[in-house]
Amino acid sequence: MAMYSSLRNAFACLSLFVLVFALSVTGRPATFLEDFKITWSDSHIKQIDRGRAIQLILDRNSGCGFASKRQYLFGRVSMKIKLIPGDSAGTVTAFYMNSNTDTIRDELDFEFLGNRTGQPYTVQTNIYARGKGNREQRVNLWFDPAADFHTYTILWNHHHIVFYVDDVPVRVYKNNEAKGIPFPKLQPMGVYSTLWEADNWATRGGLEKIDWSKAPFYAYYKDFDIEGCPVPGPSNCASNPSNWWEGTTYQLLSPLEARKYKWVRMNHMIYDYCTDKSRFPVTPPECVAGF
C-alpha cells in the first residue's frame, strides 16, 4: 500500500512537471488563425485548406502582411514558403521577427528578393540588435524556391542566431556580448511576414522594375511552427536552460552543418557587409569577432 501511494505521488509530480513545462513553452500552431492575425490588407490574404495554408497576393492596389498574435523570447520559428514564380523582379517576400520597439528594436530578417525569369532568387538576411542594423548578407539560392515549398527557419538562443534554408545554415550570428557586441536577448519579438513592392532597391539595386503586366503575384505559406517562450508568460521560461533550443546540440553548428555553412558562403554568397569597405571602412566588430 505504501509503495502504491509513493508511485501515485511520483506520477502526480511528473504530471505536474509536464503541465508546467507545456504552459511555459508554446508548441506548434495547427492553423494560421490560431496563432496569427492579418495586419495589412485582409483582401489580399486567402486561406487554403481551412487555414492550414495561406496565399499572399501583391497587385497594383496593395501588398499584404500578417503577424503572430503573441511575442516570444528565444526559441525556433519556421514556415514552409513557395515563392513567386516567373518574373518576380521588384517584389520582396519577407519572413522576420521584430520587437516592435522603434529606435531600439531587435529584428531578425529573411527577405526574398524577386528576380527576372531564369535568374536565381536571392535571400537577404539582416540582424538588428538594440536598434543597430545594417548587417546585410545575400545568398543566391541553389534551387528554384517557386517550384515547391521549402522550409525557412530562425533559431534563436542565448548562444547564437542561425538562419536555415531547409536543413542548411545560411547565416550565423554569435553572441559576442563578452566583447561588447550587442546581441538580442532582452526584448521579445513577434513573427511577421509581408509581400510588397520594393522595386527601388530589391532587384539589382533597383535597376529592374516590377512588370505589372505579370500581376497579380502570389506567394504561399504553410506548416507554421513556433516553439518558444511566449510573452506575456512564465517569467522564468526564457532563462530556463532546460528549454530544448538551449541544449548542447543547438549551441554550436554540428560538423555536418558547419560544412554546409562553409559551402554556402564559398559558393552562393554574393554580398557580405563585413567585406564592404565602401560602407564600412572600419570592419564592424562582430565581423572581427568571427561568426
C-alpha atoms as a PDB file:
ATOM      1  CA  MET A   1       0.000   0.000   0.000  1.00  0.00           C
ATOM      2  CA  ALA A   2       2.829   2.376   0.894  1.00  0.00           C
ATOM      3  CA  MET A   3       4.552   1.527  -2.397  1.00  0.00           C
ATOM      4  CA  TYR A   4       1.306   2.256  -4.299  1.00  0.00           C
ATOM      5  CA  SER A   5       0.984   5.615  -2.535  1.00  0.00           C
ATOM      6  CA  SER A   6       4.587   6.506  -3.403  1.00  0.00           C
ATOM      7  CA  LEU A   7       4.084   5.600  -7.052  1.00  0.00           C
ATOM      8  CA  ARG A   8       0.890   7.625  -7.170  1.00  0.00           C
ATOM      9  CA  ASN A   9       2.646  10.663  -5.686  1.00  0.00           C
ATOM     10  CA  ALA A  10       5.553  10.290  -8.092  1.00  0.00           C
ATOM     11  CA  PHE A  11       3.170  10.108 -11.036  1.00  0.00           C
ATOM     12  CA  ALA A  12       1.331  13.197  -9.790  1.00  0.00           C
ATOM     13  CA  CYS A  13       4.614  15.120  -9.525  1.00  0.00           C
ATOM     14  CA  LEU A  14       5.638  14.063 -13.031  1.00  0.00           C
ATOM     15  CA  SER A  15       2.239  15.087 -14.418  1.00  0.00           C
ATOM     16  CA  LEU A  16       2.551  18.491 -12.743  1.00  0.00           C
ATOM     17  CA  PHE A  17       6.041  18.975 -14.214  1.00  0.00           C
ATOM     18  CA  VAL A  18       4.802  18.132 -17.705  1.00  0.00           C
ATOM     19  CA  LEU A  19       1.870  20.516 -17.324  1.00  0.00           C
ATOM     20  CA  VAL A  20       4.076  23.382 -16.118  1.00  0.00           C
ATOM     21  CA  PHE A  21       6.523  22.800 -18.977  1.00  0.00           C
ATOM     22  CA  ALA A  22       3.704  22.728 -21.510  1.00  0.00           C
ATOM     23  CA  LEU A  23       2.351  26.009 -20.195  1.00  0.00           C
ATOM     24  CA  SER A  24       5.810  27.611 -20.291  1.00  0.00           C
ATOM     25  CA  VAL A  25       6.754  26.738 -23.861  1.00  0.00           C
ATOM     26  CA  THR A  26       4.479  27.315 -26.836  1.00  0.00           C
ATOM     27  CA  GLY A  27       4.415  24.498 -29.378  1.00  0.00           C
ATOM     28  CA  ARG A  28       3.286  24.230 -32.958  1.00  0.00           C
ATOM     29  CA  PRO A  29       0.206  26.076 -34.178  1.00  0.00           C
ATOM     30  CA  ALA A  30      -2.150  23.888 -36.178  1.00  0.00           C
ATOM     31  CA  THR A  31      -3.640  26.572 -38.396  1.00  0.00           C
ATOM     32  CA  PHE A  32      -2.956  30.146 -39.435  1.00  0.00           C
ATOM     33  CA  LEU A  33      -5.847  31.612 -37.429  1.00  0.00           C
ATOM     34  CA  GLU A  34      -4.749  30.008 -34.161  1.00  0.00           C
ATOM     35  CA  ASP A  35      -1.524  31.965 -33.802  1.00  0.00           C
ATOM     36  CA  PHE A  36      -1.535  34.690 -36.457  1.00  0.00           C
ATOM     37  CA  LYS A  37      -3.556  37.717 -37.475  1.00  0.00           C
ATOM     38  CA  ILE A  38      -3.729  39.736 -40.688  1.00  0.00           C
ATOM     39  CA  THR A  39      -2.087  43.124 -40.220  1.00  0.00           C
ATOM     40  CA  TRP A  40      -2.325  44.588 -43.694  1.00  0.00           C
ATOM     41  CA  SER A  41      -4.903  44.239 -46.483  1.00  0.00           C
ATOM     42  CA  ASP A  42      -7.028  41.248 -45.493  1.00  0.00           C
ATOM     43  CA  SER A  43      -8.463  41.159 -49.021  1.00  0.00           C
ATOM     44  CA  HIS A  44      -5.018  40.090 -50.254  1.00  0.00           C
ATOM     45  CA  ILE A  45      -4.585  37.083 -47.962  1.00  0.00           C
ATOM     46  CA  LYS A  46      -6.552  33.929 -48.765  1.00  0.00           C
ATOM     47  CA  GLN A  47      -6.854  30.900 -46.523  1.00  0.00           C
ATOM     48  CA  ILE A  48      -6.375  27.458 -48.069  1.00  0.00           C
ATOM     49  CA  ASP A  49      -7.265  24.076 -46.596  1.00  0.00           C
ATOM     50  CA  ARG A  50      -9.158  25.638 -43.654  1.00  0.00           C
ATOM     51  CA  GLY A  51      -6.258  27.856 -42.632  1.00  0.00           C
ATOM     52  CA  ARG A  52      -3.529  25.232 -42.826  1.00  0.00           C
ATOM     53  CA  ALA A  53      -2.024  27.238 -45.693  1.00  0.00           C
ATOM     54  CA  ILE A  54      -2.404  30.776 -46.986  1.00  0.00           C
ATOM     55  CA  GLN A  55      -1.893  32.684 -50.202  1.00  0.00           C
ATOM     56  CA  LEU A  56      -0.401  36.205 -50.172  1.00  0.00           C
ATOM     57  CA  ILE A  57      -1.241  38.490 -53.097  1.00  0.00           C
ATOM     58  CA  LEU A  58       0.534  41.552 -54.490  1.00  0.00           C
ATOM     59  CA  ASP A  59      -1.064  43.693 -57.187  1.00  0.00           C
ATOM     60  CA  ARG A  60      -1.133  47.355 -58.197  1.00  0.00           C
ATOM     61  CA  ASN A  61      -3.539  48.127 -55.371  1.00  0.00           C
ATOM     62  CA  SER A  62      -1.732  46.620 -52.414  1.00  0.00           C
ATOM     63  CA  GLY A  63       0.602  44.121 -50.868  1.00  0.00           C
ATOM     64  CA  CYS A  64      -0.269  42.387 -47.593  1.00  0.00           C
ATOM     65  CA  GLY A  65       1.072  41.088 -44.314  1.00  0.00           C
ATOM     66  CA  PHE A  66       0.395  39.051 -41.188  1.00  0.00           C
ATOM     67  CA  ALA A  67       1.862  38.721 -37.695  1.00  0.00           C
ATOM     68  CA  SER A  68       1.785  36.390 -34.726  1.00  0.00           C
ATOM     69  CA  LYS A  69      -0.733  37.172 -32.001  1.00  0.00           C
ATOM     70  CA  ARG A  70       1.960  36.830 -29.346  1.00  0.00           C
ATOM     71  CA  GLN A  71       5.622  37.713 -28.910  1.00  0.00           C
ATOM     72  CA  TYR A  72       8.363  35.243 -27.994  1.00  0.00           C
ATOM     73  CA  LEU A  73      11.729  35.387 -26.244  1.00  0.00           C
ATOM     74  CA  PHE A  74      14.084  32.734 -27.662  1.00  0.00           C
ATOM     75  CA  GLY A  75      13.102  29.553 -29.464  1.00  0.00           C
ATOM     76  CA  ARG A  76      12.654  28.447 -33.047  1.00  0.00           C
ATOM     77  CA  VAL A  77      10.303  29.734 -35.751  1.00  0.00           C
ATOM     78  CA  SER A  78       9.824  28.162 -39.158  1.00  0.00           C
ATOM     79  CA  MET A  79       7.469  28.275 -42.127  1.00  0.00           C
ATOM     80  CA  LYS A  80       7.256  26.487 -45.423  1.00  0.00           C
ATOM     81  CA  ILE A  81       7.097  29.030 -48.236  1.00  0.00           C
ATOM     82  CA  LYS A  82       6.644  28.758 -52.000  1.00  0.00           C
ATOM     83  CA  LEU A  83       7.809  31.993 -53.575  1.00  0.00           C
ATOM     84  CA  ILE A  84       6.526  33.955 -56.577  1.00  0.00           C
ATOM     85  CA  PRO A  85       7.218  32.065 -59.836  1.00  0.00           C
ATOM     86  CA  GLY A  86       8.419  33.540 -63.102  1.00  0.00           C
ATOM     87  CA  ASP A  87       9.240  37.230 -63.377  1.00  0.00           C
ATOM     88  CA  SER A  88       9.156  38.476 -59.771  1.00  0.00           C
ATOM     89  CA  ALA A  89      11.635  41.357 -60.122  1.00  0.00           C
ATOM     90  CA  GLY A  90      10.969  44.241 -57.730  1.00  0.00           C
ATOM     91  CA  THR A  91       8.992  42.175 -55.236  1.00  0.00           C
ATOM     92  CA  VAL A  92      10.008  41.258 -51.694  1.00  0.00           C
ATOM     93  CA  THR A  93       8.575  38.371 -49.706  1.00  0.00           C
ATOM     94  CA  ALA A  94       9.667  38.755 -46.087  1.00  0.00           C
ATOM     95  CA  PHE A  95       9.626  36.455 -43.063  1.00  0.00           C
ATOM     96  CA  TYR A  96      11.057  38.017 -39.910  1.00  0.00           C
ATOM     97  CA  MET A  97      10.947  38.576 -36.166  1.00  0.00           C
ATOM     98  CA  ASN A  98      10.619  42.091 -34.747  1.00  0.00           C
ATOM     99  CA  SER A  99      10.422  43.564 -31.247  1.00  0.00           C
ATOM    100  CA  ASN A 100       8.253  46.463 -32.495  1.00  0.00           C
ATOM    101  CA  THR A 101      10.166  48.945 -30.325  1.00  0.00           C
ATOM    102  CA  ASP A 102      11.131  51.574 -32.915  1.00  0.00           C
ATOM    103  CA  THR A 103      14.641  53.011 -32.430  1.00  0.00           C
ATOM    104  CA  ILE A 104      15.851  50.307 -30.052  1.00  0.00           C
ATOM    105  CA  ARG A 105      14.275  47.454 -31.941  1.00  0.00           C
ATOM    106  CA  ASP A 106      15.642  43.965 -32.315  1.00  0.00           C
ATOM    107  CA  GLU A 107      14.906  42.252 -35.619  1.00  0.00           C
ATOM    108  CA  LEU A 108      15.857  39.051 -37.461  1.00  0.00           C
ATOM    109  CA  ASP A 109      15.119  39.178 -41.199  1.00  0.00           C
ATOM    110  CA  PHE A 110      14.640  36.785 -44.070  1.00  0.00           C
ATOM    111  CA  GLU A 111      13.907  38.817 -47.241  1.00  0.00           C
ATOM    112  CA  PHE A 112      13.425  37.025 -50.552  1.00  0.00           C
ATOM    113  CA  LEU A 113      14.288  39.370 -53.397  1.00  0.00           C
ATOM    114  CA  GLY A 114      12.442  38.809 -56.644  1.00  0.00           C
ATOM    115  CA  ASN A 115      14.229  38.118 -59.925  1.00  0.00           C
ATOM    116  CA  ARG A 116      13.852  38.200 -63.663  1.00  0.00           C
ATOM    117  CA  THR A 117      12.792  34.881 -65.160  1.00  0.00           C
ATOM    118  CA  GLY A 118      15.730  32.496 -65.302  1.00  0.00           C
ATOM    119  CA  GLN A 119      17.844  34.325 -62.738  1.00  0.00           C
ATOM    120  CA  PRO A 120      18.450  32.905 -59.226  1.00  0.00           C
ATOM    121  CA  TYR A 121      16.374  34.046 -56.281  1.00  0.00           C
ATOM    122  CA  THR A 122      18.363  35.997 -53.690  1.00  0.00           C
ATOM    123  CA  VAL A 123      17.704  35.712 -49.962  1.00  0.00           C
ATOM    124  CA  GLN A 124      18.873  38.618 -47.822  1.00  0.00           C
ATOM    125  CA  THR A 125      19.322  38.228 -44.072  1.00  0.00           C
ATOM    126  CA  ASN A 126      19.743  41.095 -41.633  1.00  0.00           C
ATOM    127  CA  ILE A 127      20.043  41.440 -37.870  1.00  0.00           C
ATOM    128  CA  TYR A 128      19.131  44.391 -35.664  1.00  0.00           C
ATOM    129  CA  ALA A 129      20.402  44.344 -32.089  1.00  0.00           C
ATOM    130  CA  ARG A 130      19.472  47.184 -29.717  1.00  0.00           C
ATOM    131  CA  GLY A 131      18.489  49.409 -32.609  1.00  0.00           C
ATOM    132  CA  LYS A 132      21.533  48.845 -34.814  1.00  0.00           C
ATOM    133  CA  GLY A 133      21.113  47.050 -38.126  1.00  0.00           C
ATOM    134  CA  ASN A 134      22.894  47.329 -41.475  1.00  0.00           C
ATOM    135  CA  ARG A 135      24.179  43.767 -41.184  1.00  0.00           C
ATOM    136  CA  GLU A 136      23.005  42.507 -44.575  1.00  0.00           C
ATOM    137  CA  GLN A 137      24.220  39.321 -46.200  1.00  0.00           C
ATOM    138  CA  ARG A 138      22.905  37.975 -49.500  1.00  0.00           C
ATOM    139  CA  VAL A 139      22.901  34.419 -50.812  1.00  0.00           C
ATOM    140  CA  ASN A 140      21.691  33.148 -54.175  1.00  0.00           C
ATOM    141  CA  LEU A 141      19.517  30.098 -53.599  1.00  0.00           C
ATOM    142  CA  TRP A 142      20.776  26.924 -55.268  1.00  0.00           C
ATOM    143  CA  PHE A 143      17.291  25.715 -56.232  1.00  0.00           C
ATOM    144  CA  ASP A 144      14.057  27.164 -57.591  1.00  0.00           C
ATOM    145  CA  PRO A 145      12.107  28.274 -54.474  1.00  0.00           C
ATOM    146  CA  ALA A 146       8.984  28.875 -56.566  1.00  0.00           C
ATOM    147  CA  ALA A 147       8.735  25.292 -57.801  1.00  0.00           C
ATOM    148  CA  ASP A 148       7.836  23.831 -54.412  1.00  0.00           C
ATOM    149  CA  PHE A 149       7.656  24.589 -50.697  1.00  0.00           C
ATOM    150  CA  HIS A 150      10.899  24.898 -48.739  1.00  0.00           C
ATOM    151  CA  THR A 151      11.377  25.363 -45.002  1.00  0.00           C
ATOM    152  CA  TYR A 152      12.861  28.615 -43.691  1.00  0.00           C
ATOM    153  CA  THR A 153      13.850  28.662 -40.026  1.00  0.00           C
ATOM    154  CA  ILE A 154      15.192  31.098 -37.433  1.00  0.00           C
ATOM    155  CA  LEU A 155      16.802  29.511 -34.355  1.00  0.00           C
ATOM    156  CA  TRP A 156      17.416  31.986 -31.523  1.00  0.00           C
ATOM    157  CA  ASN A 157      19.034  31.035 -28.244  1.00  0.00           C
ATOM    158  CA  HIS A 158      21.492  32.532 -25.755  1.00  0.00           C
ATOM    159  CA  HIS A 159      24.462  31.309 -27.794  1.00  0.00           C
ATOM    160  CA  HIS A 160      23.693  32.339 -31.360  1.00  0.00           C
ATOM    161  CA  ILE A 161      21.099  33.060 -34.046  1.00  0.00           C
ATOM    162  CA  VAL A 162      21.004  30.713 -37.043  1.00  0.00           C
ATOM    163  CA  PHE A 163      19.056  31.176 -40.274  1.00  0.00           C
ATOM    164  CA  TYR A 164      18.313  27.898 -42.076  1.00  0.00           C
ATOM    165  CA  VAL A 165      17.101  27.139 -45.597  1.00  0.00           C
ATOM    166  CA  ASP A 166      15.723  23.624 -45.245  1.00  0.00           C
ATOM    167  CA  ASP A 167      18.500  21.984 -43.176  1.00  0.00           C
ATOM    168  CA  VAL A 168      21.279  24.245 -44.484  1.00  0.00           C
ATOM    169  CA  PRO A 169      22.521  27.119 -42.285  1.00  0.00           C
ATOM    170  CA  VAL A 170      22.974  30.268 -44.391  1.00  0.00           C
ATOM    171  CA  ARG A 171      23.702  32.769 -41.602  1.00  0.00           C
ATOM    172  CA  VAL A 172      25.114  32.547 -38.081  1.00  0.00           C
ATOM    173  CA  TYR A 173      25.319  35.459 -35.639  1.00  0.00           C
ATOM    174  CA  LYS A 174      27.111  34.527 -32.426  1.00  0.00           C
ATOM    175  CA  ASN A 175      26.540  36.016 -29.008  1.00  0.00           C
ATOM    176  CA  ASN A 176      29.694  38.090 -28.528  1.00  0.00           C
ATOM    177  CA  GLU A 177      28.394  40.269 -25.713  1.00  0.00           C
ATOM    178  CA  ALA A 178      31.558  39.491 -23.761  1.00  0.00           C
ATOM    179  CA  LYS A 179      33.375  41.513 -26.451  1.00  0.00           C
ATOM    180  CA  GLY A 180      30.916  44.400 -26.213  1.00  0.00           C
ATOM    181  CA  ILE A 181      28.893  43.433 -29.279  1.00  0.00           C
ATOM    182  CA  PRO A 182      25.091  43.763 -28.929  1.00  0.00           C
ATOM    183  CA  PHE A 183      23.024  40.583 -29.014  1.00  0.00           C
ATOM    184  CA  PRO A 184      19.202  40.495 -28.877  1.00  0.00           C
ATOM    185  CA  LYS A 185      18.223  38.838 -25.617  1.00  0.00           C
ATOM    186  CA  LEU A 186      16.051  41.232 -23.608  1.00  0.00           C
ATOM    187  CA  GLN A 187      13.127  42.072 -25.901  1.00  0.00           C
ATOM    188  CA  PRO A 188      10.525  39.551 -27.043  1.00  0.00           C
ATOM    189  CA  MET A 189       9.764  39.543 -30.741  1.00  0.00           C
ATOM    190  CA  GLY A 190       6.711  38.846 -32.825  1.00  0.00           C
ATOM    191  CA  VAL A 191       6.733  36.798 -36.032  1.00  0.00           C
ATOM    192  CA  TYR A 192       5.842  38.683 -39.209  1.00  0.00           C
ATOM    193  CA  SER A 193       5.546  38.183 -42.941  1.00  0.00           C
ATOM    194  CA  THR A 194       4.832  40.575 -45.780  1.00  0.00           C
ATOM    195  CA  LEU A 195       4.634  40.636 -49.572  1.00  0.00           C
ATOM    196  CA  TRP A 196       5.285  44.069 -51.035  1.00  0.00           C
ATOM    197  CA  GLU A 197       6.689  46.194 -53.844  1.00  0.00           C
ATOM    198  CA  ALA A 198      10.298  47.344 -53.413  1.00  0.00           C
ATOM    199  CA  ASP A 199      11.477  47.902 -56.956  1.00  0.00           C
ATOM    200  CA  ASN A 200      13.546  50.917 -55.893  1.00  0.00           C
ATOM    201  CA  TRP A 201      16.139  48.509 -54.413  1.00  0.00           C
ATOM    202  CA  ALA A 202      15.153  44.828 -54.401  1.00  0.00           C
ATOM    203  CA  THR A 203      16.431  43.566 -57.767  1.00  0.00           C
ATOM    204  CA  ARG A 204      19.881  44.631 -58.987  1.00  0.00           C
ATOM    205  CA  GLY A 205      19.818  47.646 -56.707  1.00  0.00           C
ATOM    206  CA  GLY A 206      16.585  48.953 -58.192  1.00  0.00           C
ATOM    207  CA  LEU A 207      17.594  48.678 -61.861  1.00  0.00           C
ATOM    208  CA  GLU A 208      14.961  46.024 -62.510  1.00  0.00           C
ATOM    209  CA  LYS A 209      11.395  47.254 -62.014  1.00  0.00           C
ATOM    210  CA  ILE A 210       8.170  45.348 -61.438  1.00  0.00           C
ATOM    211  CA  ASP A 211       6.426  44.241 -64.607  1.00  0.00           C
ATOM    212  CA  TRP A 212       2.842  44.872 -63.540  1.00  0.00           C
ATOM    213  CA  SER A 213       1.560  43.042 -66.611  1.00  0.00           C
ATOM    214  CA  LYS A 214       2.578  39.863 -64.746  1.00  0.00           C
ATOM    215  CA  ALA A 215       0.474  40.786 -61.687  1.00  0.00           C
ATOM    216  CA  PRO A 216      -1.074  39.574 -59.503  1.00  0.00           C
ATOM    217  CA  PHE A 217       1.890  37.930 -57.787  1.00  0.00           C
ATOM    218  CA  TYR A 218       1.342  35.028 -55.383  1.00  0.00           C
ATOM    219  CA  ALA A 219       3.365  33.526 -52.526  1.00  0.00           C
ATOM    220  CA  TYR A 220       2.200  30.558 -50.449  1.00  0.00           C
ATOM    221  CA  TYR A 221       2.790  29.608 -46.797  1.00  0.00           C
ATOM    222  CA  LYS A 222       2.057  26.515 -44.736  1.00  0.00           C
ATOM    223  CA  ASP A 223       3.248  24.463 -41.733  1.00  0.00           C
ATOM    224  CA  PHE A 224       3.583  27.404 -39.357  1.00  0.00           C
ATOM    225  CA  ASP A 225       5.799  26.365 -36.450  1.00  0.00           C
ATOM    226  CA  ILE A 226       6.552  28.470 -33.363  1.00  0.00           C
ATOM    227  CA  GLU A 227       8.317  26.890 -30.412  1.00  0.00           C
ATOM    228  CA  GLY A 228       9.450  29.405 -27.822  1.00  0.00           C
ATOM    229  CA  CYS A 229       8.743  31.309 -24.618  1.00  0.00           C
ATOM    230  CA  PRO A 230       5.572  33.386 -25.030  1.00  0.00           C
ATOM    231  CA  VAL A 231       5.451  36.907 -23.617  1.00  0.00           C
ATOM    232  CA  PRO A 232       3.438  37.524 -21.546  1.00  0.00           C
ATOM    233  CA  GLY A 233       4.031  34.139 -19.989  1.00  0.00           C
ATOM    234  CA  PRO A 234       6.006  32.468 -17.188  1.00  0.00           C
ATOM    235  CA  SER A 235       8.825  34.837 -16.209  1.00  0.00           C
ATOM    236  CA  ASN A 236      11.420  32.086 -15.868  1.00  0.00           C
ATOM    237  CA  CYS A 237      10.821  30.454 -19.253  1.00  0.00           C
ATOM    238  CA  ALA A 238      13.395  32.394 -21.285  1.00  0.00           C
ATOM    239  CA  SER A 239      16.175  31.798 -18.731  1.00  0.00           C
ATOM    240  CA  ASN A 240      15.428  28.075 -18.348  1.00  0.00           C
ATOM    241  CA  PRO A 241      18.482  26.094 -19.560  1.00  0.00           C
ATOM    242  CA  SER A 242      16.241  23.033 -19.952  1.00  0.00           C
ATOM    243  CA  ASN A 243      14.476  24.515 -22.991  1.00  0.00           C
ATOM    244  CA  TRP A 244      15.365  22.204 -25.866  1.00  0.00           C
ATOM    245  CA  TRP A 245      16.726  25.021 -28.049  1.00  0.00           C
ATOM    246  CA  GLU A 246      19.292  25.844 -25.328  1.00  0.00           C
ATOM    247  CA  GLY A 247      20.635  22.268 -25.306  1.00  0.00           C
ATOM    248  CA  THR A 248      24.198  21.340 -26.199  1.00  0.00           C
ATOM    249  CA  THR A 249      23.120  20.189 -29.656  1.00  0.00           C
ATOM    250  CA  TYR A 250      21.918  23.697 -30.511  1.00  0.00           C
ATOM    251  CA  GLN A 251      24.732  25.780 -29.007  1.00  0.00           C
ATOM    252  CA  LEU A 252      27.033  25.240 -31.992  1.00  0.00           C
ATOM    253  CA  LEU A 253      26.627  24.050 -35.558  1.00  0.00           C
ATOM    254  CA  SER A 254      27.160  20.327 -35.896  1.00  0.00           C
ATOM    255  CA  PRO A 255      30.164  19.248 -38.031  1.00  0.00           C
ATOM    256  CA  LEU A 256      27.787  18.496 -40.923  1.00  0.00           C
ATOM    257  CA  GLU A 257      26.042  21.874 -40.540  1.00  0.00           C
ATOM    258  CA  ALA A 258      29.414  23.621 -40.411  1.00  0.00           C
ATOM    259  CA  ARG A 259      30.405  22.011 -43.721  1.00  0.00           C
ATOM    260  CA  LYS A 260      27.122  23.048 -45.312  1.00  0.00           C
ATOM    261  CA  TYR A 261      27.533  26.587 -43.982  1.00  0.00           C
ATOM    262  CA  LYS A 262      31.048  26.833 -45.422  1.00  0.00           C
ATOM    263  CA  TRP A 263      29.751  25.509 -48.758  1.00  0.00           C
ATOM    264  CA  VAL A 264      27.051  28.208 -48.885  1.00  0.00           C
ATOM    265  CA  ARG A 265      29.480  31.003 -48.050  1.00  0.00           C
ATOM    266  CA  MET A 266      32.041  29.823 -50.604  1.00  0.00           C
ATOM    267  CA  ASN A 267      29.650  29.070 -53.483  1.00  0.00           C
ATOM    268  CA  HIS A 268      26.486  31.115 -53.086  1.00  0.00           C
ATOM    269  CA  MET A 269      27.165  34.262 -51.042  1.00  0.00           C
ATOM    270  CA  ILE A 270      27.062  37.347 -53.258  1.00  0.00           C
ATOM    271  CA  TYR A 271      27.216  40.109 -50.636  1.00  0.00           C
ATOM    272  CA  ASP A 272      28.566  40.413 -47.091  1.00  0.00           C
ATOM    273  CA  TYR A 273      28.503  43.721 -45.229  1.00  0.00           C
ATOM    274  CA  CYS A 274      31.651  42.603 -43.389  1.00  0.00           C
ATOM    275  CA  THR A 275      33.720  42.983 -46.551  1.00  0.00           C
ATOM    276  CA  ASP A 276      32.033  46.128 -47.915  1.00  0.00           C
ATOM    277  CA  LYS A 277      34.738  48.739 -47.355  1.00  0.00           C
ATOM    278  CA  SER A 278      32.728  51.441 -49.135  1.00  0.00           C
ATOM    279  CA  ARG A 279      30.111  51.246 -46.388  1.00  0.00           C
ATOM    280  CA  PHE A 280      32.355  50.191 -43.516  1.00  0.00           C
ATOM    281  CA  PRO A 281      35.962  51.429 -43.861  1.00  0.00           C
ATOM    282  CA  VAL A 282      36.465  50.049 -40.360  1.00  0.00           C
ATOM    283  CA  THR A 283      35.401  46.402 -40.183  1.00  0.00           C
ATOM    284  CA  PRO A 284      32.363  46.005 -37.862  1.00  0.00           C
ATOM    285  CA  PRO A 285      33.413  44.463 -34.541  1.00  0.00           C
ATOM    286  CA  GLU A 286      31.201  41.382 -34.857  1.00  0.00           C
ATOM    287  CA  CYS A 287      32.965  40.549 -38.128  1.00  0.00           C
ATOM    288  CA  VAL A 288      36.351  40.664 -36.413  1.00  0.00           C
ATOM    289  CA  ALA A 289      34.997  38.579 -33.531  1.00  0.00           C
ATOM    290  CA  GLY A 290      34.047  35.885 -36.012  1.00  0.00           C
ATOM    291  CA  PHE A 291      30.815  34.170 -36.967  1.00  0.00           C
END
